[in-house]
PDB file of N, CA and C in Angstrom:
ATOM      1  N   GLN A   1    -107.339 -17.266 -12.446  1.00  0.00           N
ATOM      2  CA  GLN A   1    -107.808 -16.512 -11.419  1.00  0.00           C
ATOM      3  C   GLN A   1    -106.986 -15.322 -11.118  1.00  0.00           C
ATOM      4  N   VAL A   2    -105.602 -15.416 -11.223  1.00  0.00           N
ATOM      5  CA  VAL A   2    -104.729 -14.320 -11.114  1.00  0.00           C
ATOM      6  C   VAL A   2    -103.765 -14.370 -12.315  1.00  0.00           C
ATOM      7  N   GLN A   3    -103.490 -13.177 -12.903  1.00  0.00           N
ATOM      8  CA  GLN A   3    -102.690 -13.109 -14.012  1.00  0.00           C
ATOM      9  C   GLN A   3    -101.630 -12.079 -13.803  1.00  0.00           C
ATOM     10  N   LEU A   4    -100.364 -12.359 -14.022  1.00  0.00           N
ATOM     11  CA  LEU A   4     -99.269 -11.479 -13.687  1.00  0.00           C
ATOM     12  C   LEU A   4     -98.482 -11.300 -15.012  1.00  0.00           C
ATOM     13  N   VAL A   5     -98.176 -10.036 -15.385  1.00  0.00           N
ATOM     14  CA  VAL A   5     -97.480  -9.646 -16.548  1.00  0.00           C
ATOM     15  C   VAL A   5     -96.227  -8.826 -16.231  1.00  0.00           C
ATOM     16  N   GLU A   6     -95.099  -9.245 -16.558  1.00  0.00           N
ATOM     17  CA  GLU A   6     -93.849  -8.571 -16.293  1.00  0.00           C
ATOM     18  C   GLU A   6     -93.371  -7.767 -17.478  1.00  0.00           C
ATOM     19  N   SER A   7     -92.538  -6.746 -17.206  1.00  0.00           N
ATOM     20  CA  SER A   7     -91.990  -5.912 -18.280  1.00  0.00           C
ATOM     21  C   SER A   7     -90.800  -5.337 -17.746  1.00  0.00           C
ATOM     22  N   GLY A   8     -89.789  -4.859 -18.535  1.00  0.00           N
ATOM     23  CA  GLY A   8     -88.757  -4.136 -18.174  1.00  0.00           C
ATOM     24  C   GLY A   8     -87.363  -4.837 -18.290  1.00  0.00           C
ATOM     25  N   GLY A   9     -87.357  -6.015 -18.658  1.00  0.00           N
ATOM     26  CA  GLY A   9     -86.228  -6.819 -18.741  1.00  0.00           C
ATOM     27  C   GLY A   9     -85.384  -6.272 -19.954  1.00  0.00           C
ATOM     28  N   GLY A  10     -84.145  -6.701 -20.023  1.00  0.00           N
ATOM     29  CA  GLY A  10     -83.219  -6.336 -21.114  1.00  0.00           C
ATOM     30  C   GLY A  10     -81.868  -6.643 -20.876  1.00  0.00           C
ATOM     31  N   LEU A  11     -80.995  -5.993 -21.720  1.00  0.00           N
ATOM     32  CA  LEU A  11     -79.570  -6.217 -21.676  1.00  0.00           C
ATOM     33  C   LEU A  11     -78.947  -4.867 -21.086  1.00  0.00           C
ATOM     34  N   VAL A  12     -78.069  -5.132 -20.105  1.00  0.00           N
ATOM     35  CA  VAL A  12     -77.386  -3.984 -19.457  1.00  0.00           C
ATOM     36  C   VAL A  12     -76.004  -4.363 -19.118  1.00  0.00           C
ATOM     37  N   GLN A  13     -74.982  -3.286 -19.080  1.00  0.00           N
ATOM     38  CA  GLN A  13     -73.701  -3.602 -18.704  1.00  0.00           C
ATOM     39  C   GLN A  13     -73.605  -3.718 -17.169  1.00  0.00           C
ATOM     40  N   ALA A  14     -72.602  -4.445 -16.775  1.00  0.00           N
ATOM     41  CA  ALA A  14     -72.288  -4.516 -15.298  1.00  0.00           C
ATOM     42  C   ALA A  14     -72.230  -3.158 -14.697  1.00  0.00           C
ATOM     43  N   GLY A  15     -72.871  -2.963 -13.474  1.00  0.00           N
ATOM     44  CA  GLY A  15     -72.981  -1.740 -12.851  1.00  0.00           C
ATOM     45  C   GLY A  15     -74.069  -0.897 -13.251  1.00  0.00           C
ATOM     46  N   GLY A  16     -74.942  -1.357 -14.235  1.00  0.00           N
ATOM     47  CA  GLY A  16     -75.993  -0.594 -14.680  1.00  0.00           C
ATOM     48  C   GLY A  16     -77.284  -0.860 -13.899  1.00  0.00           C
ATOM     49  N   SER A  17     -78.309  -0.316 -14.351  1.00  0.00           N
ATOM     50  CA  SER A  17     -79.634  -0.453 -13.666  1.00  0.00           C
ATOM     51  C   SER A  17     -80.686  -0.808 -14.617  1.00  0.00           C
ATOM     52  N   LEU A  18     -81.728  -1.487 -14.006  1.00  0.00           N
ATOM     53  CA  LEU A  18     -82.921  -1.834 -14.675  1.00  0.00           C
ATOM     54  C   LEU A  18     -84.012  -1.822 -13.653  1.00  0.00           C
ATOM     55  N   ARG A  19     -85.355  -1.520 -14.265  1.00  0.00           N
ATOM     56  CA  ARG A  19     -86.465  -1.543 -13.352  1.00  0.00           C
ATOM     57  C   ARG A  19     -87.422  -2.400 -14.030  1.00  0.00           C
ATOM     58  N   LEU A  20     -87.867  -3.551 -13.218  1.00  0.00           N
ATOM     59  CA  LEU A  20     -88.808  -4.464 -13.649  1.00  0.00           C
ATOM     60  C   LEU A  20     -90.117  -3.956 -13.042  1.00  0.00           C
ATOM     61  N   SER A  21     -91.198  -4.303 -13.874  1.00  0.00           N
ATOM     62  CA  SER A  21     -92.568  -4.065 -13.321  1.00  0.00           C
ATOM     63  C   SER A  21     -93.437  -5.247 -13.556  1.00  0.00           C
ATOM     64  N   CYS A  22     -94.384  -5.447 -12.768  1.00  0.00           N
ATOM     65  CA  CYS A  22     -95.356  -6.510 -12.819  1.00  0.00           C
ATOM     66  C   CYS A  22     -96.783  -5.937 -12.554  1.00  0.00           C
ATOM     67  N   ALA A  23     -97.663  -6.279 -13.368  1.00  0.00           N
ATOM     68  CA  ALA A  23     -99.085  -5.827 -13.096  1.00  0.00           C
ATOM     69  C   ALA A  23     -99.916  -7.164 -12.810  1.00  0.00           C
ATOM     70  N   ALA A  24    -100.598  -7.220 -11.798  1.00  0.00           N
ATOM     71  CA  ALA A  24    -101.415  -8.229 -11.405  1.00  0.00           C
ATOM     72  C   ALA A  24    -102.961  -7.930 -11.673  1.00  0.00           C
ATOM     73  N   SER A  25    -103.702  -8.942 -11.988  1.00  0.00           N
ATOM     74  CA  SER A  25    -105.072  -8.760 -12.178  1.00  0.00           C
ATOM     75  C   SER A  25    -105.948 -10.074 -11.989  1.00  0.00           C
ATOM     76  N   GLY A  26    -107.047  -9.958 -11.665  1.00  0.00           N
ATOM     77  CA  GLY A  26    -107.918 -11.200 -11.347  1.00  0.00           C
ATOM     78  C   GLY A  26    -108.349 -11.148  -9.855  1.00  0.00           C
ATOM     79  N   SER A  27    -108.419 -12.412  -9.365  1.00  0.00           N
ATOM     80  CA  SER A  27    -109.050 -12.481  -7.988  1.00  0.00           C
ATOM     81  C   SER A  27    -107.956 -12.365  -6.994  1.00  0.00           C
ATOM     82  N   ILE A  28    -107.654 -11.130  -6.624  1.00  0.00           N
ATOM     83  CA  ILE A  28    -106.529 -10.845  -5.763  1.00  0.00           C
ATOM     84  C   ILE A  28    -107.033 -10.537  -4.331  1.00  0.00           C
ATOM     85  N   PHE A  29    -106.609 -11.341  -3.446  1.00  0.00           N
ATOM     86  CA  PHE A  29    -107.049 -11.133  -1.973  1.00  0.00           C
ATOM     87  C   PHE A  29    -106.522  -9.821  -1.367  1.00  0.00           C
ATOM     88  N   ARG A  30    -107.128  -9.448  -0.327  1.00  0.00           N
ATOM     89  CA  ARG A  30    -106.721  -8.188   0.357  1.00  0.00           C
ATOM     90  C   ARG A  30    -105.364  -8.296   0.892  1.00  0.00           C
ATOM     91  N   ASN A  31    -105.026  -9.537   1.467  1.00  0.00           N
ATOM     92  CA  ASN A  31    -103.650  -9.789   1.960  1.00  0.00           C
ATOM     93  C   ASN A  31    -102.955 -10.777   1.102  1.00  0.00           C
ATOM     94  N   ASN A  32    -101.878 -10.393   0.586  1.00  0.00           N
ATOM     95  CA  ASN A  32    -101.051 -11.277  -0.245  1.00  0.00           C
ATOM     96  C   ASN A  32     -99.604 -10.813  -0.229  1.00  0.00           C
ATOM     97  N   VAL A  33     -98.837 -11.598  -0.885  1.00  0.00           N
ATOM     98  CA  VAL A  33     -97.379 -11.354  -0.873  1.00  0.00           C
ATOM     99  C   VAL A  33     -96.993 -11.429  -2.351  1.00  0.00           C
ATOM    100  N   MET A  34     -96.334 -10.350  -2.933  1.00  0.00           N
ATOM    101  CA  MET A  34     -95.858 -10.261  -4.161  1.00  0.00           C
ATOM    102  C   MET A  34     -94.336 -10.255  -4.268  1.00  0.00           C
ATOM    103  N   GLY A  35     -93.756 -10.828  -5.213  1.00  0.00           N
ATOM    104  CA  GLY A  35     -92.245 -10.908  -5.215  1.00  0.00           C
ATOM    105  C   GLY A  35     -91.801 -11.130  -6.612  1.00  0.00           C
ATOM    106  N   TRP A  36     -90.411 -11.302  -6.575  1.00  0.00           N
ATOM    107  CA  TRP A  36     -89.734 -11.533  -7.800  1.00  0.00           C
ATOM    108  C   TRP A  36     -88.728 -12.698  -7.527  1.00  0.00           C
ATOM    109  N   TYR A  37     -88.836 -13.685  -8.403  1.00  0.00           N
ATOM    110  CA  TYR A  37     -87.921 -14.778  -8.462  1.00  0.00           C
ATOM    111  C   TYR A  37     -87.081 -14.755  -9.711  1.00  0.00           C
ATOM    112  N   ARG A  38     -86.005 -15.573  -9.676  1.00  0.00           N
ATOM    113  CA  ARG A  38     -85.265 -15.531 -10.872  1.00  0.00           C
ATOM    114  C   ARG A  38     -84.722 -16.939 -11.122  1.00  0.00           C
ATOM    115  N   GLN A  39     -84.498 -17.365 -12.365  1.00  0.00           N
ATOM    116  CA  GLN A  39     -83.911 -18.575 -12.613  1.00  0.00           C
ATOM    117  C   GLN A  39     -82.936 -18.455 -13.732  1.00  0.00           C
ATOM    118  N   ALA A  40     -81.674 -18.760 -13.489  1.00  0.00           N
ATOM    119  CA  ALA A  40     -80.649 -18.771 -14.346  1.00  0.00           C
ATOM    120  C   ALA A  40     -80.523 -20.191 -15.045  1.00  0.00           C
ATOM    121  N   PRO A  41     -79.904 -20.351 -16.299  1.00  0.00           N
ATOM    122  CA  PRO A  41     -79.817 -21.491 -16.968  1.00  0.00           C
ATOM    123  C   PRO A  41     -79.138 -22.539 -16.033  1.00  0.00           C
ATOM    124  N   GLY A  42     -79.683 -23.693 -15.961  1.00  0.00           N
ATOM    125  CA  GLY A  42     -79.101 -24.826 -15.100  1.00  0.00           C
ATOM    126  C   GLY A  42     -79.206 -24.679 -13.605  1.00  0.00           C
ATOM    127  N   LYS A  43     -79.981 -23.654 -13.173  1.00  0.00           N
ATOM    128  CA  LYS A  43     -80.158 -23.453 -11.682  1.00  0.00           C
ATOM    129  C   LYS A  43     -81.530 -23.391 -11.403  1.00  0.00           C
ATOM    130  N   GLN A  44     -81.799 -23.678 -10.106  1.00  0.00           N
ATOM    131  CA  GLN A  44     -83.143 -23.540  -9.567  1.00  0.00           C
ATOM    132  C   GLN A  44     -83.614 -22.239  -9.416  1.00  0.00           C
ATOM    133  N   ARG A  45     -84.917 -22.028  -9.507  1.00  0.00           N
ATOM    134  CA  ARG A  45     -85.588 -20.799  -9.365  1.00  0.00           C
ATOM    135  C   ARG A  45     -85.363 -20.291  -7.794  1.00  0.00           C
ATOM    136  N   GLU A  46     -85.031 -19.048  -7.690  1.00  0.00           N
ATOM    137  CA  GLU A  46     -84.674 -18.662  -6.286  1.00  0.00           C
ATOM    138  C   GLU A  46     -85.395 -17.325  -6.132  1.00  0.00           C
ATOM    139  N   LEU A  47     -85.667 -17.044  -4.815  1.00  0.00           N
ATOM    140  CA  LEU A  47     -86.388 -15.805  -4.448  1.00  0.00           C
ATOM    141  C   LEU A  47     -85.394 -14.711  -4.565  1.00  0.00           C
ATOM    142  N   VAL A  48     -85.788 -13.518  -5.125  1.00  0.00           N
ATOM    143  CA  VAL A  48     -84.936 -12.326  -5.202  1.00  0.00           C
ATOM    144  C   VAL A  48     -85.412 -11.393  -4.111  1.00  0.00           C
ATOM    145  N   ALA A  49     -86.723 -11.088  -4.138  1.00  0.00           N
ATOM    146  CA  ALA A  49     -87.235 -10.160  -3.143  1.00  0.00           C
ATOM    147  C   ALA A  49     -88.758 -10.411  -3.024  1.00  0.00           C
ATOM    148  N   ARG A  50     -89.344  -9.984  -1.895  1.00  0.00           N
ATOM    149  CA  ARG A  50     -90.775 -10.052  -1.813  1.00  0.00           C
ATOM    150  C   ARG A  50     -91.295  -8.845  -0.953  1.00  0.00           C
ATOM    151  N   ILE A  51     -92.519  -8.632  -1.043  1.00  0.00           N
ATOM    152  CA  ILE A  51     -93.189  -7.644  -0.331  1.00  0.00           C
ATOM    153  C   ILE A  51     -94.600  -8.005   0.047  1.00  0.00           C
ATOM    154  N   THR A  52     -94.974  -7.723   1.244  1.00  0.00           N
ATOM    155  CA  THR A  52     -96.377  -7.990   1.774  1.00  0.00           C
ATOM    156  C   THR A  52     -97.193  -6.734   1.530  1.00  0.00           C
ATOM    157  N   THR A  53     -98.472  -7.018   1.773  1.00  0.00           N
ATOM    158  CA  THR A  53     -99.428  -5.768   1.743  1.00  0.00           C
ATOM    159  C   THR A  53     -99.256  -4.990   2.885  1.00  0.00           C
ATOM    160  N   GLY A  54     -98.440  -5.370   3.955  1.00  0.00           N
ATOM    161  CA  GLY A  54     -98.070  -4.607   4.936  1.00  0.00           C
ATOM    162  C   GLY A  54     -96.835  -3.851   4.799  1.00  0.00           C
ATOM    163  N   ASP A  55     -96.217  -4.058   3.514  1.00  0.00           N
ATOM    164  CA  ASP A  55     -94.956  -3.444   3.148  1.00  0.00           C
ATOM    165  C   ASP A  55     -93.748  -4.009   3.734  1.00  0.00           C
ATOM    166  N   SER A  56     -93.897  -5.115   4.410  1.00  0.00           N
ATOM    167  CA  SER A  56     -92.669  -5.812   4.846  1.00  0.00           C
ATOM    168  C   SER A  56     -91.945  -6.470   3.687  1.00  0.00           C
ATOM    169  N   THR A  57     -90.619  -6.397   3.665  1.00  0.00           N
ATOM    170  CA  THR A  57     -89.879  -6.843   2.573  1.00  0.00           C
ATOM    171  C   THR A  57     -88.816  -7.829   2.986  1.00  0.00           C
ATOM    172  N   ASN A  58     -88.481  -8.645   2.006  1.00  0.00           N
ATOM    173  CA  ASN A  58     -87.310  -9.581   2.279  1.00  0.00           C
ATOM    174  C   ASN A  58     -86.602  -9.674   0.947  1.00  0.00           C
ATOM    175  N   TYR A  59     -85.215  -9.814   1.141  1.00  0.00           N
ATOM    176  CA  TYR A  59     -84.379  -9.812   0.031  1.00  0.00           C
ATOM    177  C   TYR A  59     -83.280 -10.971   0.089  1.00  0.00           C
ATOM    178  N   ALA A  60     -83.072 -11.536  -0.998  1.00  0.00           N
ATOM    179  CA  ALA A  60     -81.934 -12.487  -1.056  1.00  0.00           C
ATOM    180  C   ALA A  60     -80.635 -11.758  -0.573  1.00  0.00           C
ATOM    181  N   ASP A  61     -79.822 -12.405   0.067  1.00  0.00           N
ATOM    182  CA  ASP A  61     -78.546 -11.772   0.580  1.00  0.00           C
ATOM    183  C   ASP A  61     -77.775 -11.271  -0.741  1.00  0.00           C
ATOM    184  N   SER A  62     -77.830 -11.943  -1.713  1.00  0.00           N
ATOM    185  CA  SER A  62     -77.107 -11.640  -2.904  1.00  0.00           C
ATOM    186  C   SER A  62     -77.510 -10.284  -3.587  1.00  0.00           C
ATOM    187  N   VAL A  63     -78.567  -9.801  -3.302  1.00  0.00           N
ATOM    188  CA  VAL A  63     -79.062  -8.579  -3.827  1.00  0.00           C
ATOM    189  C   VAL A  63     -79.360  -7.385  -2.839  1.00  0.00           C
ATOM    190  N   LYS A  64     -79.172  -7.712  -1.533  1.00  0.00           N
ATOM    191  CA  LYS A  64     -79.393  -6.619  -0.554  1.00  0.00           C
ATOM    192  C   LYS A  64     -78.548  -5.409  -0.877  1.00  0.00           C
ATOM    193  N   GLY A  65     -79.065  -4.276  -0.657  1.00  0.00           N
ATOM    194  CA  GLY A  65     -78.383  -3.076  -0.930  1.00  0.00           C
ATOM    195  C   GLY A  65     -78.283  -2.627  -2.448  1.00  0.00           C
ATOM    196  N   ARG A  66     -78.703  -3.519  -3.397  1.00  0.00           N
ATOM    197  CA  ARG A  66     -78.599  -3.189  -4.830  1.00  0.00           C
ATOM    198  C   ARG A  66     -80.058  -3.113  -5.341  1.00  0.00           C
ATOM    199  N   PHE A  67     -80.868  -4.061  -4.786  1.00  0.00           N
ATOM    200  CA  PHE A  67     -82.245  -4.132  -5.368  1.00  0.00           C
ATOM    201  C   PHE A  67     -83.198  -3.533  -4.397  1.00  0.00           C
ATOM    202  N   THR A  68     -84.305  -2.975  -4.928  1.00  0.00           N
ATOM    203  CA  THR A  68     -85.396  -2.436  -4.026  1.00  0.00           C
ATOM    204  C   THR A  68     -86.665  -2.801  -4.653  1.00  0.00           C
ATOM    205  N   ILE A  69     -87.538  -3.430  -3.794  1.00  0.00           N
ATOM    206  CA  ILE A  69     -88.821  -3.910  -4.306  1.00  0.00           C
ATOM    207  C   ILE A  69     -89.887  -2.912  -3.701  1.00  0.00           C
ATOM    208  N   SER A  70     -90.855  -2.609  -4.399  1.00  0.00           N
ATOM    209  CA  SER A  70     -91.963  -1.752  -4.001  1.00  0.00           C
ATOM    210  C   SER A  70     -93.228  -2.179  -4.556  1.00  0.00           C
ATOM    211  N   ARG A  71     -94.415  -1.759  -4.133  1.00  0.00           N
ATOM    212  CA  ARG A  71     -95.644  -2.103  -4.731  1.00  0.00           C
ATOM    213  C   ARG A  71     -96.580  -0.891  -4.533  1.00  0.00           C
ATOM    214  N   ASP A  72     -97.628  -0.961  -5.483  1.00  0.00           N
ATOM    215  CA  ASP A  72     -98.669  -0.052  -5.449  1.00  0.00           C
ATOM    216  C   ASP A  72     -99.916  -0.946  -5.135  1.00  0.00           C
ATOM    217  N   LYS A  73    -100.408  -1.038  -3.926  1.00  0.00           N
ATOM    218  CA  LYS A  73    -101.468  -1.761  -3.617  1.00  0.00           C
ATOM    219  C   LYS A  73    -102.841  -1.489  -4.385  1.00  0.00           C
ATOM    220  N   ALA A  74    -102.924  -0.116  -4.621  1.00  0.00           N
ATOM    221  CA  ALA A  74    -104.181   0.283  -5.321  1.00  0.00           C
ATOM    222  C   ALA A  74    -104.207  -0.187  -6.735  1.00  0.00           C
ATOM    223  N   LYS A  75    -103.064  -0.252  -7.336  1.00  0.00           N
ATOM    224  CA  LYS A  75    -102.933  -0.671  -8.708  1.00  0.00           C
ATOM    225  C   LYS A  75    -102.521  -2.199  -8.985  1.00  0.00           C
ATOM    226  N   ASN A  76    -102.306  -2.793  -7.756  1.00  0.00           N
ATOM    227  CA  ASN A  76    -101.784  -4.201  -7.831  1.00  0.00           C
ATOM    228  C   ASN A  76    -100.589  -4.364  -8.829  1.00  0.00           C
ATOM    229  N   THR A  77     -99.695  -3.565  -8.585  1.00  0.00           N
ATOM    230  CA  THR A  77     -98.427  -3.690  -9.371  1.00  0.00           C
ATOM    231  C   THR A  77     -97.221  -3.786  -8.417  1.00  0.00           C
ATOM    232  N   VAL A  78     -96.176  -4.292  -8.813  1.00  0.00           N
ATOM    233  CA  VAL A  78     -94.910  -4.429  -7.987  1.00  0.00           C
ATOM    234  C   VAL A  78     -93.702  -4.185  -8.917  1.00  0.00           C
ATOM    235  N   ALA A  79     -92.797  -3.473  -8.357  1.00  0.00           N
ATOM    236  CA  ALA A  79     -91.591  -3.107  -9.184  1.00  0.00           C
ATOM    237  C   ALA A  79     -90.406  -3.664  -8.474  1.00  0.00           C
ATOM    238  N   LEU A  80     -89.369  -3.802  -9.205  1.00  0.00           N
ATOM    239  CA  LEU A  80     -88.037  -4.217  -8.724  1.00  0.00           C
ATOM    240  C   LEU A  80     -87.107  -3.308  -9.307  1.00  0.00           C
ATOM    241  N   GLN A  81     -86.438  -2.369  -8.565  1.00  0.00           N
ATOM    242  CA  GLN A  81     -85.458  -1.444  -9.028  1.00  0.00           C
ATOM    243  C   GLN A  81     -84.147  -2.163  -8.865  1.00  0.00           C
ATOM    244  N   MET A  82     -83.320  -2.413  -9.792  1.00  0.00           N
ATOM    245  CA  MET A  82     -82.118  -3.180  -9.773  1.00  0.00           C
ATOM    246  C   MET A  82     -80.967  -2.103 -10.150  1.00  0.00           C
ATOM    247  N   SER A  83     -80.015  -2.066  -9.265  1.00  0.00           N
ATOM    248  CA  SER A  83     -78.935  -1.204  -9.454  1.00  0.00           C
ATOM    249  C   SER A  83     -77.612  -2.013  -9.284  1.00  0.00           C
ATOM    250  N   GLY A  84     -76.481  -1.549  -9.649  1.00  0.00           N
ATOM    251  CA  GLY A  84     -75.295  -2.163  -9.414  1.00  0.00           C
ATOM    252  C   GLY A  84     -75.320  -3.566  -9.894  1.00  0.00           C
ATOM    253  N   LEU A  85     -76.046  -3.815 -11.217  1.00  0.00           N
ATOM    254  CA  LEU A  85     -76.108  -5.114 -11.674  1.00  0.00           C
ATOM    255  C   LEU A  85     -74.762  -5.913 -11.951  1.00  0.00           C
ATOM    256  N   LYS A  86     -74.852  -7.125 -11.638  1.00  0.00           N
ATOM    257  CA  LYS A  86     -73.653  -7.957 -11.949  1.00  0.00           C
ATOM    258  C   LYS A  86     -73.991  -9.027 -12.876  1.00  0.00           C
ATOM    259  N   PRO A  87     -72.941  -9.619 -13.546  1.00  0.00           N
ATOM    260  CA  PRO A  87     -73.245 -10.719 -14.522  1.00  0.00           C
ATOM    261  C   PRO A  87     -74.027 -11.813 -13.815  1.00  0.00           C
ATOM    262  N   GLU A  88     -73.740 -12.126 -12.611  1.00  0.00           N
ATOM    263  CA  GLU A  88     -74.483 -13.206 -11.941  1.00  0.00           C
ATOM    264  C   GLU A  88     -75.947 -12.865 -11.705  1.00  0.00           C
ATOM    265  N   ASP A  89     -76.350 -11.678 -11.952  1.00  0.00           N
ATOM    266  CA  ASP A  89     -77.738 -11.436 -11.869  1.00  0.00           C
ATOM    267  C   ASP A  89     -78.455 -11.788 -13.165  1.00  0.00           C
ATOM    268  N   THR A  90     -77.869 -12.207 -14.133  1.00  0.00           N
ATOM    269  CA  THR A  90     -78.474 -12.704 -15.413  1.00  0.00           C
ATOM    270  C   THR A  90     -79.327 -13.830 -15.197  1.00  0.00           C
ATOM    271  N   ALA A  91     -80.565 -13.724 -15.502  1.00  0.00           N
ATOM    272  CA  ALA A  91     -81.584 -14.744 -15.292  1.00  0.00           C
ATOM    273  C   ALA A  91     -82.944 -14.280 -15.962  1.00  0.00           C
ATOM    274  N   VAL A  92     -83.744 -15.285 -15.918  1.00  0.00           N
ATOM    275  CA  VAL A  92     -85.163 -14.975 -16.266  1.00  0.00           C
ATOM    276  C   VAL A  92     -85.863 -14.549 -14.869  1.00  0.00           C
ATOM    277  N   TYR A  93     -86.429 -13.345 -14.878  1.00  0.00           N
ATOM    278  CA  TYR A  93     -87.066 -12.924 -13.601  1.00  0.00           C
ATOM    279  C   TYR A  93     -88.616 -13.175 -13.685  1.00  0.00           C
ATOM    280  N   PHE A  94     -89.133 -13.744 -12.727  1.00  0.00           N
ATOM    281  CA  PHE A  94     -90.548 -14.085 -12.657  1.00  0.00           C
ATOM    282  C   PHE A  94     -91.218 -13.264 -11.527  1.00  0.00           C
ATOM    283  N   CYS A  95     -92.307 -12.676 -11.878  1.00  0.00           N
ATOM    284  CA  CYS A  95     -93.318 -12.074 -10.759  1.00  0.00           C
ATOM    285  C   CYS A  95     -94.106 -13.102 -10.291  1.00  0.00           C
ATOM    286  N   ASN A  96     -94.273 -13.015  -8.933  1.00  0.00           N
ATOM    287  CA  ASN A  96     -94.993 -13.946  -8.201  1.00  0.00           C
ATOM    288  C   ASN A  96     -95.963 -13.299  -7.241  1.00  0.00           C
ATOM    289  N   LEU A  97     -97.124 -13.967  -7.092  1.00  0.00           N
ATOM    290  CA  LEU A  97     -98.062 -13.519  -6.160  1.00  0.00           C
ATOM    291  C   LEU A  97     -98.493 -14.751  -5.220  1.00  0.00           C
ATOM    292  N   GLN A  98     -98.488 -14.549  -4.051  1.00  0.00           N
ATOM    293  CA  GLN A  98     -98.865 -15.718  -3.164  1.00  0.00           C
ATOM    294  C   GLN A  98    -100.043 -15.240  -2.335  1.00  0.00           C
ATOM    295  N   GLN A  99    -101.011 -15.965  -2.128  1.00  0.00           N
ATOM    296  CA  GLN A  99    -102.211 -15.664  -1.445  1.00  0.00           C
ATOM    297  C   GLN A  99    -103.036 -16.873  -0.928  1.00  0.00           C
ATOM    298  N   GLY A 100    -103.768 -16.642   0.102  1.00  0.00           N
ATOM    299  CA  GLY A 100    -104.660 -17.808   0.668  1.00  0.00           C
ATOM    300  C   GLY A 100    -105.195 -17.428   2.049  1.00  0.00           C
ATOM    301  N   LEU A 101    -106.200 -18.211   2.352  1.00  0.00           N
ATOM    302  CA  LEU A 101    -106.924 -17.973   3.490  1.00  0.00           C
ATOM    303  C   LEU A 101    -106.189 -18.684   4.737  1.00  0.00           C
ATOM    304  N   PHE A 102    -105.467 -19.823   4.483  1.00  0.00           N
ATOM    305  CA  PHE A 102    -104.796 -20.545   5.369  1.00  0.00           C
ATOM    306  C   PHE A 102    -103.420 -20.699   5.098  1.00  0.00           C
ATOM    307  N   THR A 103    -102.593 -20.796   6.228  1.00  0.00           N
ATOM    308  CA  THR A 103    -101.249 -20.994   6.041  1.00  0.00           C
ATOM    309  C   THR A 103    -100.835 -22.176   5.230  1.00  0.00           C
ATOM    310  N   ASP A 104    -101.616 -23.264   5.463  1.00  0.00           N
ATOM    311  CA  ASP A 104    -101.217 -24.469   4.749  1.00  0.00           C
ATOM    312  C   ASP A 104    -101.941 -24.714   3.405  1.00  0.00           C
ATOM    313  N   ARG A 105    -102.592 -23.642   2.958  1.00  0.00           N
ATOM    314  CA  ARG A 105    -103.306 -23.619   1.678  1.00  0.00           C
ATOM    315  C   ARG A 105    -103.174 -22.341   1.046  1.00  0.00           C
ATOM    316  N   GLU A 106    -101.920 -22.198   0.587  1.00  0.00           N
ATOM    317  CA  GLU A 106    -101.589 -20.920  -0.074  1.00  0.00           C
ATOM    318  C   GLU A 106    -101.392 -21.240  -1.555  1.00  0.00           C
ATOM    319  N   TYR A 107    -101.647 -20.278  -2.414  1.00  0.00           N
ATOM    320  CA  TYR A 107    -101.441 -20.433  -3.867  1.00  0.00           C
ATOM    321  C   TYR A 107    -100.533 -19.520  -4.554  1.00  0.00           C
ATOM    322  N   ASN A 108     -99.718 -19.971  -5.389  1.00  0.00           N
ATOM    323  CA  ASN A 108     -98.676 -19.191  -6.070  1.00  0.00           C
ATOM    324  C   ASN A 108     -99.090 -18.973  -7.481  1.00  0.00           C
ATOM    325  N   TYR A 109     -98.974 -17.868  -7.901  1.00  0.00           N
ATOM    326  CA  TYR A 109     -99.257 -17.487  -9.324  1.00  0.00           C
ATOM    327  C   TYR A 109     -98.003 -16.716  -9.822  1.00  0.00           C
ATOM    328  N   TRP A 110     -97.711 -17.139 -11.096  1.00  0.00           N
ATOM    329  CA  TRP A 110     -96.546 -16.627 -11.788  1.00  0.00           C
ATOM    330  C   TRP A 110     -96.724 -15.902 -13.087  1.00  0.00           C
ATOM    331  N   GLY A 111     -95.925 -15.028 -13.324  1.00  0.00           N
ATOM    332  CA  GLY A 111     -95.740 -14.311 -14.538  1.00  0.00           C
ATOM    333  C   GLY A 111     -95.028 -15.133 -15.550  1.00  0.00           C
ATOM    334  N   GLN A 112     -94.895 -14.719 -16.766  1.00  0.00           N
ATOM    335  CA  GLN A 112     -94.375 -15.356 -17.859  1.00  0.00           C
ATOM    336  C   GLN A 112     -92.768 -15.314 -17.878  1.00  0.00           C
ATOM    337  N   GLY A 113     -92.258 -14.340 -17.112  1.00  0.00           N
ATOM    338  CA  GLY A 113     -90.811 -14.119 -17.100  1.00  0.00           C
ATOM    339  C   GLY A 113     -90.369 -13.113 -18.018  1.00  0.00           C
ATOM    340  N   THR A 114     -89.378 -12.341 -17.522  1.00  0.00           N
ATOM    341  CA  THR A 114     -88.708 -11.372 -18.485  1.00  0.00           C
ATOM    342  C   THR A 114     -87.180 -11.547 -18.264  1.00  0.00           C
ATOM    343  N   GLN A 115     -86.521 -11.613 -19.346  1.00  0.00           N
ATOM    344  CA  GLN A 115     -85.101 -11.842 -19.370  1.00  0.00           C
ATOM    345  C   GLN A 115     -84.293 -10.584 -19.053  1.00  0.00           C
ATOM    346  N   VAL A 116     -83.297 -10.863 -18.060  1.00  0.00           N
ATOM    347  CA  VAL A 116     -82.304  -9.826 -17.682  1.00  0.00           C
ATOM    348  C   VAL A 116     -81.004 -10.343 -17.954  1.00  0.00           C
ATOM    349  N   THR A 117     -80.302  -9.694 -18.711  1.00  0.00           N
ATOM    350  CA  THR A 117     -78.935 -10.135 -19.145  1.00  0.00           C
ATOM    351  C   THR A 117     -77.870  -8.957 -18.760  1.00  0.00           C
ATOM    352  N   VAL A 118     -76.890  -9.364 -18.001  1.00  0.00           N
ATOM    353  CA  VAL A 118     -75.898  -8.283 -17.526  1.00  0.00           C
ATOM    354  C   VAL A 118     -74.607  -8.666 -18.186  1.00  0.00           C
ATOM    355  N   SER A 119     -74.024  -7.946 -18.842  1.00  0.00           N
ATOM    356  CA  SER A 119     -72.732  -8.201 -19.564  1.00  0.00           C
ATOM    357  C   SER A 119     -71.619  -7.599 -18.687  1.00  0.00           C
ATOM    358  N   SER A 120     -70.526  -8.328 -18.775  1.00  0.00           N
ATOM    359  CA  SER A 120     -69.248  -7.997 -17.977  1.00  0.00           C
ATOM    360  C   SER A 120     -68.507  -6.913 -18.675  1.00  0.00           C
TER     361      SER A 120
END
């Protein structure tokens, strides 16, 4: 129903920057939330940032001031600009889209993930 494809991951030194991109396709509702999650080895997947179709944003405390999420609603793309990267940002980053007609019946779609590695 919905496909998400990420790109932009890679290896960067601490303090550097990367920009992740995600393209969504398929049956995308008018109102939805797109975001980025990450999962480091041995850790649970965590929310990094999300953005609604109304352009409301939410960030994990650990990335506030360093990461910026944005979206192009016409193109159904979302980007994550990451600056001041730290080794603890190393993880697989997953694009996410959440949508649904009812609060208790929302569906999550996930991209395949893109690796971000930050060296010290």
